[in-house]
Amino acid sequence: MLLTILLQAAAGAAIAKSGVALAAAAAAFAGAFGISKIGSSAMEAISRQPESASDVRSSMIIVAGMVEGAALFAIIVCLLAIVL
């Protein structure tokens, strides 16, 4: 009886860790997709108005940093869910 309970608890922990890994992968994918969309839109804006390239570039870097920070925060939360 005790062995059955321990095996079920271990299986539940393995499933939880798999879910956390999947969530971390989804966060990384979402961050990569967001940054690629920002870069694509910035290149299109620069090609339409080359004289505003420096303004678009600086805005792109700021927003990409914000997206990267949010993705990193999500991955850290997922890793903390494994540990705690």
PDB file of N, CA and C in Angstrom:
ATOM      1  N   MET A   1       0.828  -1.194   0.000  1.00  0.00           N
ATOM      2  CA  MET A   1       0.000   0.000   0.000  1.00  0.00           C
ATOM      3  C   MET A   1       0.874   1.261   0.000  1.00  0.00           C
ATOM      4  N   LEU A   2       1.853   1.303   0.892  1.00  0.00           N
ATOM      5  CA  LEU A   2       2.742   2.465   0.965  1.00  0.00           C
ATOM      6  C   LEU A   2       3.562   2.613  -0.310  1.00  0.00           C
ATOM      7  N   LEU A   3       3.997   1.502  -0.863  1.00  0.00           N
ATOM      8  CA  LEU A   3       4.771   1.547  -2.104  1.00  0.00           C
ATOM      9  C   LEU A   3       3.927   2.099  -3.252  1.00  0.00           C
ATOM     10  N   THR A   4       2.668   1.740  -3.296  1.00  0.00           N
ATOM     11  CA  THR A   4       1.777   2.246  -4.342  1.00  0.00           C
ATOM     12  C   THR A   4       1.610   3.753  -4.228  1.00  0.00           C
ATOM     13  N   ILE A   5       1.465   4.244  -3.016  1.00  0.00           N
ATOM     14  CA  ILE A   5       1.327   5.688  -2.802  1.00  0.00           C
ATOM     15  C   ILE A   5       2.604   6.414  -3.209  1.00  0.00           C
ATOM     16  N   LEU A   6       3.760   5.861  -2.845  1.00  0.00           N
ATOM     17  CA  LEU A   6       5.028   6.483  -3.218  1.00  0.00           C
ATOM     18  C   LEU A   6       5.240   6.491  -4.729  1.00  0.00           C
ATOM     19  N   LEU A   7       4.867   5.418  -5.397  1.00  0.00           N
ATOM     20  CA  LEU A   7       5.003   5.363  -6.853  1.00  0.00           C
ATOM     21  C   LEU A   7       4.089   6.374  -7.533  1.00  0.00           C
ATOM     22  N   GLN A   8       2.877   6.543  -7.014  1.00  0.00           N
ATOM     23  CA  GLN A   8       1.956   7.523  -7.585  1.00  0.00           C
ATOM     24  C   GLN A   8       2.475   8.938  -7.365  1.00  0.00           C
ATOM     25  N   ALA A   9       3.048   9.196  -6.201  1.00  0.00           N
ATOM     26  CA  ALA A   9       3.614  10.526  -5.922  1.00  0.00           C
ATOM     27  C   ALA A   9       4.798  10.811  -6.839  1.00  0.00           C
ATOM     28  N   ALA A  10       5.637   9.796  -7.063  1.00  0.00           N
ATOM     29  CA  ALA A  10       6.795   9.980  -7.948  1.00  0.00           C
ATOM     30  C   ALA A  10       6.344  10.219  -9.380  1.00  0.00           C
ATOM     31  N   ALA A  11       5.311   9.517  -9.820  1.00  0.00           N
ATOM     32  CA  ALA A  11       4.793   9.720 -11.176  1.00  0.00           C
ATOM     33  C   ALA A  11       4.188  11.108 -11.313  1.00  0.00           C
ATOM     34  N   GLY A  12       3.498  11.568 -10.268  1.00  0.00           N
ATOM     35  CA  GLY A  12       2.922  12.915 -10.301  1.00  0.00           C
ATOM     36  C   GLY A  12       3.992  13.987 -10.381  1.00  0.00           C
ATOM     37  N   ALA A  13       5.104  13.774  -9.664  1.00  0.00           N
ATOM     38  CA  ALA A  13       6.204  14.729  -9.704  1.00  0.00           C
ATOM     39  C   ALA A  13       6.849  14.750 -11.084  1.00  0.00           C
ATOM     40  N   ALA A  14       6.965  13.582 -11.711  1.00  0.00           N
ATOM     41  CA  ALA A  14       7.565  13.523 -13.050  1.00  0.00           C
ATOM     42  C   ALA A  14       6.675  14.227 -14.061  1.00  0.00           C
ATOM     43  N   ILE A  15       5.367  14.044 -13.931  1.00  0.00           N
ATOM     44  CA  ILE A  15       4.438  14.727 -14.840  1.00  0.00           C
ATOM     45  C   ILE A  15       4.503  16.235 -14.619  1.00  0.00           C
ATOM     46  N   ALA A  16       4.614  16.659 -13.363  1.00  0.00           N
ATOM     47  CA  ALA A  16       4.701  18.095 -13.067  1.00  0.00           C
ATOM     48  C   ALA A  16       5.975  18.690 -13.658  1.00  0.00           C
ATOM     49  N   LYS A  17       7.081  17.963 -13.545  1.00  0.00           N
ATOM     50  CA  LYS A  17       8.331  18.477 -14.103  1.00  0.00           C
ATOM     51  C   LYS A  17       8.271  18.535 -15.627  1.00  0.00           C
ATOM     52  N   SER A  18       7.576  17.602 -16.227  1.00  0.00           N
ATOM     53  CA  SER A  18       7.398  17.647 -17.680  1.00  0.00           C
ATOM     54  C   SER A  18       6.558  18.853 -18.082  1.00  0.00           C
ATOM     55  N   GLY A  19       5.534  19.143 -17.302  1.00  0.00           N
ATOM     56  CA  GLY A  19       4.701  20.315 -17.574  1.00  0.00           C
ATOM     57  C   GLY A  19       5.470  21.610 -17.423  1.00  0.00           C
ATOM     58  N   VAL A  20       6.325  21.678 -16.417  1.00  0.00           N
ATOM     59  CA  VAL A  20       7.150  22.871 -16.217  1.00  0.00           C
ATOM     60  C   VAL A  20       8.132  23.042 -17.366  1.00  0.00           C
ATOM     61  N   ALA A  21       8.717  21.955 -17.826  1.00  0.00           N
ATOM     62  CA  ALA A  21       9.642  22.028 -18.963  1.00  0.00           C
ATOM     63  C   ALA A  21       8.908  22.491 -20.218  1.00  0.00           C
ATOM     64  N   LEU A  22       7.696  22.017 -20.402  1.00  0.00           N
ATOM     65  CA  LEU A  22       6.895  22.444 -21.553  1.00  0.00           C
ATOM     66  C   LEU A  22       6.551  23.930 -21.454  1.00  0.00           C
ATOM     67  N   ALA A  23       6.244  24.394 -20.257  1.00  0.00           N
ATOM     68  CA  ALA A  23       5.938  25.817 -20.070  1.00  0.00           C
ATOM     69  C   ALA A  23       7.168  26.681 -20.329  1.00  0.00           C
ATOM     70  N   ALA A  24       8.343  26.225 -19.896  1.00  0.00           N
ATOM     71  CA  ALA A  24       9.575  26.975 -20.149  1.00  0.00           C
ATOM     72  C   ALA A  24       9.876  27.032 -21.645  1.00  0.00           C
ATOM     73  N   ALA A  25       9.634  25.929 -22.348  1.00  0.00           N
ATOM     74  CA  ALA A  25       9.841  25.921 -23.802  1.00  0.00           C
ATOM     75  C   ALA A  25       8.860  26.853 -24.495  1.00  0.00           C
ATOM     76  N   ALA A  26       7.627  26.881 -24.021  1.00  0.00           N
ATOM     77  CA  ALA A  26       6.631  27.782 -24.608  1.00  0.00           C
ATOM     78  C   ALA A  26       7.011  29.239 -24.364  1.00  0.00           C
ATOM     79  N   ALA A  27       7.535  29.550 -23.189  1.00  0.00           N
ATOM     80  CA  ALA A  27       7.970  30.914 -22.898  1.00  0.00           C
ATOM     81  C   ALA A  27       9.135  31.323 -23.795  1.00  0.00           C
ATOM     82  N   ALA A  28      10.079  30.418 -23.993  1.00  0.00           N
ATOM     83  CA  ALA A  28      11.217  30.718 -24.873  1.00  0.00           C
ATOM     84  C   ALA A  28      10.760  30.902 -26.316  1.00  0.00           C
ATOM     85  N   PHE A  29       9.830  30.046 -26.761  1.00  0.00           N
ATOM     86  CA  PHE A  29       9.311  30.171 -28.123  1.00  0.00           C
ATOM     87  C   PHE A  29       8.548  31.485 -28.304  1.00  0.00           C
ATOM     88  N   ALA A  30       7.740  31.847 -27.317  1.00  0.00           N
ATOM     89  CA  ALA A  30       6.978  33.097 -27.415  1.00  0.00           C
ATOM     90  C   ALA A  30       7.905  34.305 -27.448  1.00  0.00           C
ATOM     91  N   GLY A  31       8.965  34.280 -26.644  1.00  0.00           N
ATOM     92  CA  GLY A  31       9.933  35.373 -26.666  1.00  0.00           C
ATOM     93  C   GLY A  31      10.652  35.481 -28.004  1.00  0.00           C
ATOM     94  N   ALA A  32      11.043  34.345 -28.552  1.00  0.00           N
ATOM     95  CA  ALA A  32      11.720  34.344 -29.857  1.00  0.00           C
ATOM     96  C   ALA A  32      10.792  34.832 -30.956  1.00  0.00           C
ATOM     97  N   PHE A  33       9.535  34.401 -30.896  1.00  0.00           N
ATOM     98  CA  PHE A  33       8.568  34.854 -31.901  1.00  0.00           C
ATOM     99  C   PHE A  33       8.328  36.353 -31.791  1.00  0.00           C
ATOM    100  N   GLY A  34       8.225  36.859 -30.562  1.00  0.00           N
ATOM    101  CA  GLY A  34       8.011  38.293 -30.369  1.00  0.00           C
ATOM    102  C   GLY A  34       9.164  39.124 -30.884  1.00  0.00           C
ATOM    103  N   ILE A  35      10.377  38.691 -30.598  1.00  0.00           N
ATOM    104  CA  ILE A  35      11.549  39.437 -31.056  1.00  0.00           C
ATOM    105  C   ILE A  35      11.671  39.380 -32.573  1.00  0.00           C
ATOM    106  N   SER A  36      11.350  38.229 -33.181  1.00  0.00           N
ATOM    107  CA  SER A  36      11.416  38.151 -34.644  1.00  0.00           C
ATOM    108  C   SER A  36      10.352  39.046 -35.280  1.00  0.00           C
ATOM    109  N   LYS A  37       9.185  39.140 -34.665  1.00  0.00           N
ATOM    110  CA  LYS A  37       8.134  40.024 -35.190  1.00  0.00           C
ATOM    111  C   LYS A  37       8.553  41.493 -35.069  1.00  0.00           C
ATOM    112  N   ILE A  38       9.196  41.839 -33.959  1.00  0.00           N
ATOM    113  CA  ILE A  38       9.692  43.209 -33.785  1.00  0.00           C
ATOM    114  C   ILE A  38      10.740  43.536 -34.844  1.00  0.00           C
ATOM    115  N   GLY A  39      11.678  42.618 -35.067  1.00  0.00           N
ATOM    116  CA  GLY A  39      12.717  42.848 -36.071  1.00  0.00           C
ATOM    117  C   GLY A  39      12.156  42.972 -37.467  1.00  0.00           C
ATOM    118  N   SER A  40      11.185  42.140 -37.787  1.00  0.00           N
ATOM    119  CA  SER A  40      10.555  42.190 -39.105  1.00  0.00           C
ATOM    120  C   SER A  40       9.840  43.522 -39.324  1.00  0.00           C
ATOM    121  N   SER A  41       9.097  43.939 -38.315  1.00  0.00           N
ATOM    122  CA  SER A  41       8.373  45.212 -38.439  1.00  0.00           C
ATOM    123  C   SER A  41       9.333  46.392 -38.507  1.00  0.00           C
ATOM    124  N   ALA A  42      10.427  46.319 -37.760  1.00  0.00           N
ATOM    125  CA  ALA A  42      11.401  47.406 -37.791  1.00  0.00           C
ATOM    126  C   ALA A  42      12.072  47.502 -39.153  1.00  0.00           C
ATOM    127  N   MET A  43      12.419  46.371 -39.739  1.00  0.00           N
ATOM    128  CA  MET A  43      13.035  46.397 -41.067  1.00  0.00           C
ATOM    129  C   MET A  43      12.066  46.948 -42.115  1.00  0.00           C
ATOM    130  N   GLU A  44      10.807  46.603 -41.989  1.00  0.00           N
ATOM    131  CA  GLU A  44       9.811  47.134 -42.919  1.00  0.00           C
ATOM    132  C   GLU A  44       9.660  48.645 -42.750  1.00  0.00           C
ATOM    133  N   ALA A  45       9.667  49.112 -41.499  1.00  0.00           N
ATOM    134  CA  ALA A  45       9.540  50.552 -41.251  1.00  0.00           C
ATOM    135  C   ALA A  45      10.757  51.306 -41.773  1.00  0.00           C
ATOM    136  N   ILE A  46      11.940  50.730 -41.603  1.00  0.00           N
ATOM    137  CA  ILE A  46      13.154  51.383 -42.083  1.00  0.00           C
ATOM    138  C   ILE A  46      13.172  51.406 -43.605  1.00  0.00           C
ATOM    139  N   SER A  47      12.674  50.350 -44.245  1.00  0.00           N
ATOM    140  CA  SER A  47      12.663  50.342 -45.708  1.00  0.00           C
ATOM    141  C   SER A  47      11.660  51.355 -46.272  1.00  0.00           C
ATOM    142  N   ARG A  48      10.610  51.628 -45.519  1.00  0.00           N
ATOM    143  CA  ARG A  48       9.641  52.627 -45.986  1.00  0.00           C
ATOM    144  C   ARG A  48      10.126  54.048 -45.770  1.00  0.00           C
ATOM    145  N   GLN A  49      10.793  54.288 -44.621  1.00  0.00           N
ATOM    146  CA  GLN A  49      11.314  55.620 -44.330  1.00  0.00           C
ATOM    147  C   GLN A  49      12.756  55.503 -43.828  1.00  0.00           C
ATOM    148  N   PRO A  50      13.708  55.490 -44.742  1.00  0.00           N
ATOM    149  CA  PRO A  50      15.113  55.307 -44.330  1.00  0.00           C
ATOM    150  C   PRO A  50      15.649  56.437 -43.436  1.00  0.00           C
ATOM    151  N   GLU A  51      15.061  57.614 -43.523  1.00  0.00           N
ATOM    152  CA  GLU A  51      15.556  58.735 -42.719  1.00  0.00           C
ATOM    153  C   GLU A  51      15.242  58.575 -41.237  1.00  0.00           C
ATOM    154  N   SER A  52      14.309  57.714 -40.889  1.00  0.00           N
ATOM    155  CA  SER A  52      13.970  57.510 -39.471  1.00  0.00           C
ATOM    156  C   SER A  52      14.564  56.207 -38.931  1.00  0.00           C
ATOM    157  N   ALA A  53      15.637  55.758 -39.551  1.00  0.00           N
ATOM    158  CA  ALA A  53      16.230  54.465 -39.178  1.00  0.00           C
ATOM    159  C   ALA A  53      16.745  54.466 -37.740  1.00  0.00           C
ATOM    160  N   SER A  54      17.377  55.558 -37.307  1.00  0.00           N
ATOM    161  CA  SER A  54      17.944  55.567 -35.951  1.00  0.00           C
ATOM    162  C   SER A  54      16.849  55.543 -34.886  1.00  0.00           C
ATOM    163  N   ASP A  55      15.737  56.242 -35.129  1.00  0.00           N
ATOM    164  CA  ASP A  55      14.629  56.233 -34.169  1.00  0.00           C
ATOM    165  C   ASP A  55      13.981  54.852 -34.094  1.00  0.00           C
ATOM    166  N   VAL A  56      13.781  54.234 -35.247  1.00  0.00           N
ATOM    167  CA  VAL A  56      13.157  52.908 -35.282  1.00  0.00           C
ATOM    168  C   VAL A  56      14.079  51.884 -34.627  1.00  0.00           C
ATOM    169  N   ARG A  57      15.371  51.993 -34.895  1.00  0.00           N
ATOM    170  CA  ARG A  57      16.331  51.039 -34.335  1.00  0.00           C
ATOM    171  C   ARG A  57      16.373  51.128 -32.811  1.00  0.00           C
ATOM    172  N   SER A  58      16.404  52.355 -32.283  1.00  0.00           N
ATOM    173  CA  SER A  58      16.457  52.484 -30.821  1.00  0.00           C
ATOM    174  C   SER A  58      15.162  51.997 -30.173  1.00  0.00           C
ATOM    175  N   SER A  59      14.036  52.265 -30.796  1.00  0.00           N
ATOM    176  CA  SER A  59      12.769  51.754 -30.269  1.00  0.00           C
ATOM    177  C   SER A  59      12.717  50.231 -30.334  1.00  0.00           C
ATOM    178  N   MET A  60      13.253  49.671 -31.414  1.00  0.00           N
ATOM    179  CA  MET A  60      13.271  48.222 -31.566  1.00  0.00           C
ATOM    180  C   MET A  60      14.115  47.572 -30.472  1.00  0.00           C
ATOM    181  N   ILE A  61      15.264  48.151 -30.154  1.00  0.00           N
ATOM    182  CA  ILE A  61      16.139  47.581 -29.134  1.00  0.00           C
ATOM    183  C   ILE A  61      15.483  47.640 -27.766  1.00  0.00           C
ATOM    184  N   ILE A  62      14.800  48.731 -27.464  1.00  0.00           N
ATOM    185  CA  ILE A  62      14.121  48.855 -26.172  1.00  0.00           C
ATOM    186  C   ILE A  62      13.009  47.824 -26.042  1.00  0.00           C
ATOM    187  N   VAL A  63      12.179  47.704 -27.057  1.00  0.00           N
ATOM    188  CA  VAL A  63      11.058  46.762 -26.997  1.00  0.00           C
ATOM    189  C   VAL A  63      11.563  45.317 -26.997  1.00  0.00           C
ATOM    190  N   ALA A  64      12.592  45.032 -27.764  1.00  0.00           N
ATOM    191  CA  ALA A  64      13.151  43.673 -27.766  1.00  0.00           C
ATOM    192  C   ALA A  64      13.713  43.317 -26.399  1.00  0.00           C
ATOM    193  N   GLY A  65      14.317  44.273 -25.727  1.00  0.00           N
ATOM    194  CA  GLY A  65      14.805  44.033 -24.371  1.00  0.00           C
ATOM    195  C   GLY A  65      13.675  43.755 -23.402  1.00  0.00           C
ATOM    196  N   MET A  66      12.566  44.437 -23.569  1.00  0.00           N
ATOM    197  CA  MET A  66      11.411  44.199 -22.699  1.00  0.00           C
ATOM    198  C   MET A  66      10.827  42.807 -22.936  1.00  0.00           C
ATOM    199  N   VAL A  67      10.743  42.403 -24.188  1.00  0.00           N
ATOM    200  CA  VAL A  67      10.222  41.066 -24.503  1.00  0.00           C
ATOM    201  C   VAL A  67      11.178  40.001 -23.974  1.00  0.00           C
ATOM    202  N   GLU A  68      12.459  40.224 -24.140  1.00  0.00           N
ATOM    203  CA  GLU A  68      13.461  39.274 -23.642  1.00  0.00           C
ATOM    204  C   GLU A  68      13.393  39.161 -22.121  1.00  0.00           C
ATOM    205  N   GLY A  69      13.199  40.287 -21.454  1.00  0.00           N
ATOM    206  CA  GLY A  69      13.070  40.269 -19.992  1.00  0.00           C
ATOM    207  C   GLY A  69      11.848  39.501 -19.539  1.00  0.00           C
ATOM    208  N   ALA A  70      10.735  39.679 -20.232  1.00  0.00           N
ATOM    209  CA  ALA A  70       9.514  38.951 -19.867  1.00  0.00           C
ATOM    210  C   ALA A  70       9.689  37.456 -20.096  1.00  0.00           C
ATOM    211  N   ALA A  71      10.332  37.081 -21.175  1.00  0.00           N
ATOM    212  CA  ALA A  71      10.567  35.662 -21.447  1.00  0.00           C
ATOM    213  C   ALA A  71      11.525  35.067 -20.420  1.00  0.00           C
ATOM    214  N   LEU A  72      12.556  35.797 -20.059  1.00  0.00           N
ATOM    215  CA  LEU A  72      13.497  35.316 -19.052  1.00  0.00           C
ATOM    216  C   LEU A  72      12.810  35.169 -17.700  1.00  0.00           C
ATOM    217  N   PHE A  73      11.954  36.118 -17.358  1.00  0.00           N
ATOM    218  CA  PHE A  73      11.203  36.035 -16.107  1.00  0.00           C
ATOM    219  C   PHE A  73      10.310  34.796 -16.094  1.00  0.00           C
ATOM    220  N   ALA A  74       9.659  34.506 -17.209  1.00  0.00           N
ATOM    221  CA  ALA A  74       8.800  33.321 -17.292  1.00  0.00           C
ATOM    222  C   ALA A  74       9.604  32.042 -17.139  1.00  0.00           C
ATOM    223  N   ILE A  75      10.778  31.985 -17.743  1.00  0.00           N
ATOM    224  CA  ILE A  75      11.619  30.790 -17.633  1.00  0.00           C
ATOM    225  C   ILE A  75      12.125  30.617 -16.202  1.00  0.00           C
ATOM    226  N   ILE A  76      12.479  31.712 -15.546  1.00  0.00           N
ATOM    227  CA  ILE A  76      12.936  31.623 -14.160  1.00  0.00           C
ATOM    228  C   ILE A  76      11.808  31.147 -13.247  1.00  0.00           C
ATOM    229  N   VAL A  77      10.591  31.632 -13.484  1.00  0.00           N
ATOM    230  CA  VAL A  77       9.448  31.161 -12.696  1.00  0.00           C
ATOM    231  C   VAL A  77       9.234  29.669 -12.905  1.00  0.00           C
ATOM    232  N   CYS A  78       9.386  29.194 -14.130  1.00  0.00           N
ATOM    233  CA  CYS A  78       9.248  27.759 -14.403  1.00  0.00           C
ATOM    234  C   CYS A  78      10.334  26.958 -13.691  1.00  0.00           C
ATOM    235  N   LEU A  79      11.554  27.454 -13.708  1.00  0.00           N
ATOM    236  CA  LEU A  79      12.635  26.735 -13.019  1.00  0.00           C
ATOM    237  C   LEU A  79      12.433  26.736 -11.505  1.00  0.00           C
ATOM    238  N   LEU A  80      11.905  27.836 -10.963  1.00  0.00           N
ATOM    239  CA  LEU A  80      11.605  27.866  -9.540  1.00  0.00           C
ATOM    240  C   LEU A  80      10.484  26.908  -9.178  1.00  0.00           C
ATOM    241  N   ALA A  81       9.571  26.685 -10.106  1.00  0.00           N
ATOM    242  CA  ALA A  81       8.492  25.732  -9.855  1.00  0.00           C
ATOM    243  C   ALA A  81       9.040  24.317  -9.737  1.00  0.00           C
ATOM    244  N   ILE A  82      10.133  24.011 -10.400  1.00  0.00           N
ATOM    245  CA  ILE A  82      10.747  22.692 -10.272  1.00  0.00           C
ATOM    246  C   ILE A  82      11.404  22.547  -8.904  1.00  0.00           C
ATOM    247  N   VAL A  83      12.106  23.597  -8.499  1.00  0.00           N
ATOM    248  CA  VAL A  83      12.877  23.530  -7.261  1.00  0.00           C
ATOM    249  C   VAL A  83      11.984  23.600  -6.026  1.00  0.00           C
ATOM    250  N   LEU A  84      11.027  24.503  -6.057  1.00  0.00           N
ATOM    251  CA  LEU A  84      10.195  24.710  -4.851  1.00  0.00           C
ATOM    252  C   LEU A  84       8.969  23.876  -4.847  1.00  0.00           C
TER     253      LEU A  84
END
